[in-house]
Amino acid sequence: MKKIMMMIALMAMPFAMQAQTKFHDVELSEAQGAVKKITQDMMGRPQVTTFTQDGKMQREGMSGAVYDDNGYMQSAKVKIRDQETTVTYKWKDGKVVSQSMNMMGNDVDATFTYNEKGAAASQSMNFGGQPMEMKYTDYKYDEKGNWISRKTNMMGRDIEQTRTIEYYD
């Protein structure tokens, strides 16, 4: 009887381990903690990203997410202005260090550096051979330590990015 119970326990282990998977999509969104929803202004349109309690993201126009065994997203299909492309991510120490995609026939590669609070300090992009760097400054954080406002300069134009974050209790 003891051997049968042990076999049942061993057979159930992979399923139990699967149920314990934590996804790192909250970190992909430059946030931490029990985030339920992030609403961000993207060029005049609100972009809403929701998260399950285990950290998996859902966003309009995103599908086909592929994860590694540790719950880090490796790639996803995203729709950008009626065009679908695949974004691939490279991670290091729990942060996305680079992402790449093909947009409008051009390869777009981006690399990121982070500040001491874990938010992006800069983003360097190469859009079809055209380098561009954006530094992020003037951060404002919510009571949970996630950024809710930051400034950058894109192509000579000052931009303030804002977002609201809702949390699971």
Protein backbone atom coordinates (compact mmCIF):
# COMPACT_ATOMS: atom_id res chain seq x y z
CA MET A 1 0.00 0.00 0.00
CA LYS A 2 2.87 2.33 0.88
CA LYS A 3 4.47 1.77 -2.56
CA ILE A 4 1.19 2.51 -4.33
CA MET A 5 0.79 5.80 -2.43
CA MET A 6 4.39 6.71 -3.24
CA MET A 7 3.83 6.00 -6.95
CA ILE A 8 0.65 8.10 -6.97
CA ALA A 9 2.51 10.94 -5.25
CA LEU A 10 5.37 10.76 -7.76
CA MET A 11 2.96 10.71 -10.70
CA ALA A 12 1.09 13.73 -9.32
CA MET A 13 4.29 15.73 -8.79
CA PRO A 14 4.68 17.02 -12.39
CA PHE A 15 1.07 18.27 -12.34
CA ALA A 16 1.56 19.98 -8.98
CA MET A 17 4.76 21.60 -10.24
CA GLN A 18 2.97 22.80 -13.37
CA ALA A 19 0.29 24.47 -11.27
CA GLN A 20 2.98 26.32 -9.30
CA THR A 21 4.49 28.00 -12.37
CA LYS A 22 4.94 31.73 -11.85
CA PHE A 23 4.99 33.81 -14.98
CA HIS A 24 7.26 36.84 -15.16
CA ASP A 25 5.10 39.00 -17.40
CA VAL A 26 4.73 41.60 -14.64
CA GLU A 27 8.50 42.06 -14.74
CA LEU A 28 8.32 42.25 -18.54
CA SER A 29 6.04 45.26 -17.98
CA GLU A 30 8.61 46.90 -15.68
CA ALA A 31 6.56 46.27 -12.57
CA GLN A 32 6.69 44.10 -9.48
CA GLY A 33 4.29 42.61 -7.00
CA ALA A 34 0.69 41.42 -7.27
CA VAL A 35 -0.21 43.54 -10.31
CA LYS A 36 -3.72 43.04 -11.65
CA LYS A 37 -3.84 45.65 -14.42
CA ILE A 38 -1.66 48.34 -16.01
CA THR A 39 -3.28 51.03 -18.14
CA GLN A 40 -0.82 53.10 -20.15
CA ASP A 41 -1.26 55.84 -22.74
CA MET A 42 0.26 54.66 -26.02
CA MET A 43 0.27 57.50 -28.54
CA GLY A 44 -3.14 58.77 -27.49
CA ARG A 45 -4.72 55.33 -27.06
CA PRO A 46 -5.00 53.53 -23.75
CA GLN A 47 -3.24 50.18 -23.70
CA VAL A 48 -4.64 47.86 -21.04
CA THR A 49 -2.62 44.90 -19.84
CA THR A 50 -4.17 42.51 -17.34
CA PHE A 51 -2.41 39.84 -15.32
CA THR A 52 -3.63 36.61 -13.77
CA GLN A 53 -2.71 36.05 -10.13
CA ASP A 54 0.19 33.85 -11.23
CA GLY A 55 1.59 36.73 -13.33
CA LYS A 56 0.55 35.79 -16.87
CA MET A 57 -0.29 38.78 -19.07
CA GLN A 58 -3.19 39.33 -21.43
CA ARG A 59 -3.24 42.26 -23.85
CA GLU A 60 -5.33 43.08 -26.89
CA GLY A 61 -3.35 42.33 -30.04
CA MET A 62 -0.99 39.88 -28.33
CA SER A 63 -1.15 36.12 -28.82
CA GLY A 64 0.93 32.98 -29.09
CA ALA A 65 3.19 33.65 -26.10
CA VAL A 66 5.98 31.10 -25.68
CA TYR A 67 7.53 30.61 -22.23
CA ASP A 68 10.62 28.84 -20.95
CA ASP A 69 10.40 26.33 -18.09
CA ASN A 70 10.83 29.13 -15.52
CA GLY A 71 7.87 31.20 -16.76
CA TYR A 72 9.86 33.83 -18.69
CA MET A 73 8.25 34.86 -21.99
CA GLN A 74 10.58 34.09 -24.89
CA SER A 75 8.39 35.36 -27.71
CA ALA A 76 4.88 36.52 -28.56
CA LYS A 77 2.95 37.61 -31.61
CA VAL A 78 1.84 41.24 -31.44
CA LYS A 79 -0.33 43.29 -33.74
CA ILE A 80 1.03 46.73 -34.53
CA ARG A 81 -1.19 48.82 -36.79
CA ASP A 82 -2.85 45.97 -38.67
CA GLN A 83 0.45 44.12 -39.02
CA GLU A 84 1.39 41.05 -36.97
CA THR A 85 4.98 40.44 -35.96
CA THR A 86 6.80 38.22 -33.50
CA VAL A 87 8.71 39.85 -30.66
CA THR A 88 11.49 37.82 -29.06
CA TYR A 89 12.93 38.56 -25.61
CA LYS A 90 16.28 37.88 -23.95
CA TRP A 91 16.40 37.88 -20.15
CA LYS A 92 19.19 38.30 -17.59
CA ASP A 93 18.79 38.37 -13.82
CA GLY A 94 14.99 38.65 -14.08
CA LYS A 95 15.03 41.62 -16.49
CA VAL A 96 14.57 41.85 -20.25
CA VAL A 97 17.93 42.95 -21.63
CA SER A 98 16.88 42.95 -25.28
CA GLN A 99 13.97 42.41 -27.60
CA SER A 100 13.76 42.12 -31.36
CA MET A 101 11.09 42.10 -34.06
CA ASN A 102 10.53 42.90 -37.70
CA MET A 103 8.32 45.94 -38.24
CA MET A 104 7.31 47.24 -41.66
CA GLY A 105 10.07 45.17 -43.27
CA ASN A 106 12.78 46.47 -40.93
CA ASP A 107 14.52 44.58 -38.15
CA VAL A 108 14.09 46.42 -34.86
CA ASP A 109 16.42 45.55 -32.01
CA ALA A 110 16.24 47.18 -28.59
CA THR A 111 18.47 46.83 -25.55
CA PHE A 112 17.67 48.06 -22.05
CA THR A 113 19.53 49.27 -18.98
CA TYR A 114 17.83 49.62 -15.59
CA ASN A 115 18.01 51.99 -12.63
CA GLU A 116 18.41 50.96 -8.99
CA LYS A 117 14.63 50.60 -8.59
CA GLY A 118 14.38 48.17 -11.51
CA ALA A 119 12.79 50.55 -14.02
CA ALA A 120 14.31 51.15 -17.45
CA ALA A 121 17.00 53.84 -17.36
CA SER A 122 17.51 53.76 -21.12
CA GLN A 123 16.46 52.00 -24.28
CA SER A 124 18.77 51.79 -27.28
CA MET A 125 17.11 50.89 -30.56
CA ASN A 126 18.29 50.06 -34.00
CA PHE A 127 15.46 50.50 -36.49
CA GLY A 128 16.62 49.16 -39.82
CA GLY A 129 20.12 50.59 -39.37
CA GLN A 130 19.02 53.84 -37.71
CA PRO A 131 20.27 53.99 -34.11
CA MET A 132 18.19 55.80 -31.50
CA GLU A 133 18.57 56.08 -27.75
CA MET A 134 15.94 57.08 -25.24
CA LYS A 135 16.87 57.88 -21.66
CA TYR A 136 14.12 57.79 -19.05
CA THR A 137 14.13 60.44 -16.31
CA ASP A 138 11.95 62.15 -13.71
CA TYR A 139 10.35 58.97 -12.44
CA LYS A 140 7.39 59.07 -10.07
CA TYR A 141 6.51 55.87 -8.21
CA ASP A 142 3.38 54.56 -6.52
CA GLU A 143 3.27 53.25 -2.93
CA LYS A 144 4.25 49.74 -4.16
CA GLY A 145 7.44 51.00 -5.82
CA ASN A 146 6.26 50.79 -9.45
CA TRP A 147 6.69 53.73 -11.79
CA ILE A 148 3.57 55.66 -12.75
CA SER A 149 5.20 58.55 -14.60
CA ARG A 150 8.48 59.11 -16.43
CA LYS A 151 9.89 61.39 -19.10
CA THR A 152 11.89 60.70 -22.22
CA ASN A 153 12.85 62.42 -25.44
CA MET A 154 12.04 60.81 -28.76
CA MET A 155 13.31 62.35 -32.00
CA GLY A 156 13.75 65.75 -30.35
CA ARG A 157 10.33 65.71 -28.71
CA ASP A 158 9.83 65.59 -24.92
CA ILE A 159 7.32 62.93 -23.89
CA GLU A 160 5.81 62.10 -20.52
CA GLN A 161 4.66 58.51 -20.16
CA THR A 162 2.06 57.78 -17.51
CA ARG A 163 0.31 54.66 -16.33
CA THR A 164 -2.06 53.53 -13.62
CA ILE A 165 -1.61 50.25 -11.84
CA GLU A 166 -4.21 48.14 -10.04
CA TYR A 167 -3.18 45.40 -7.62
CA TYR A 168 -4.61 42.19 -6.27
CA ASP A 169 -5.39 42.59 -2.57
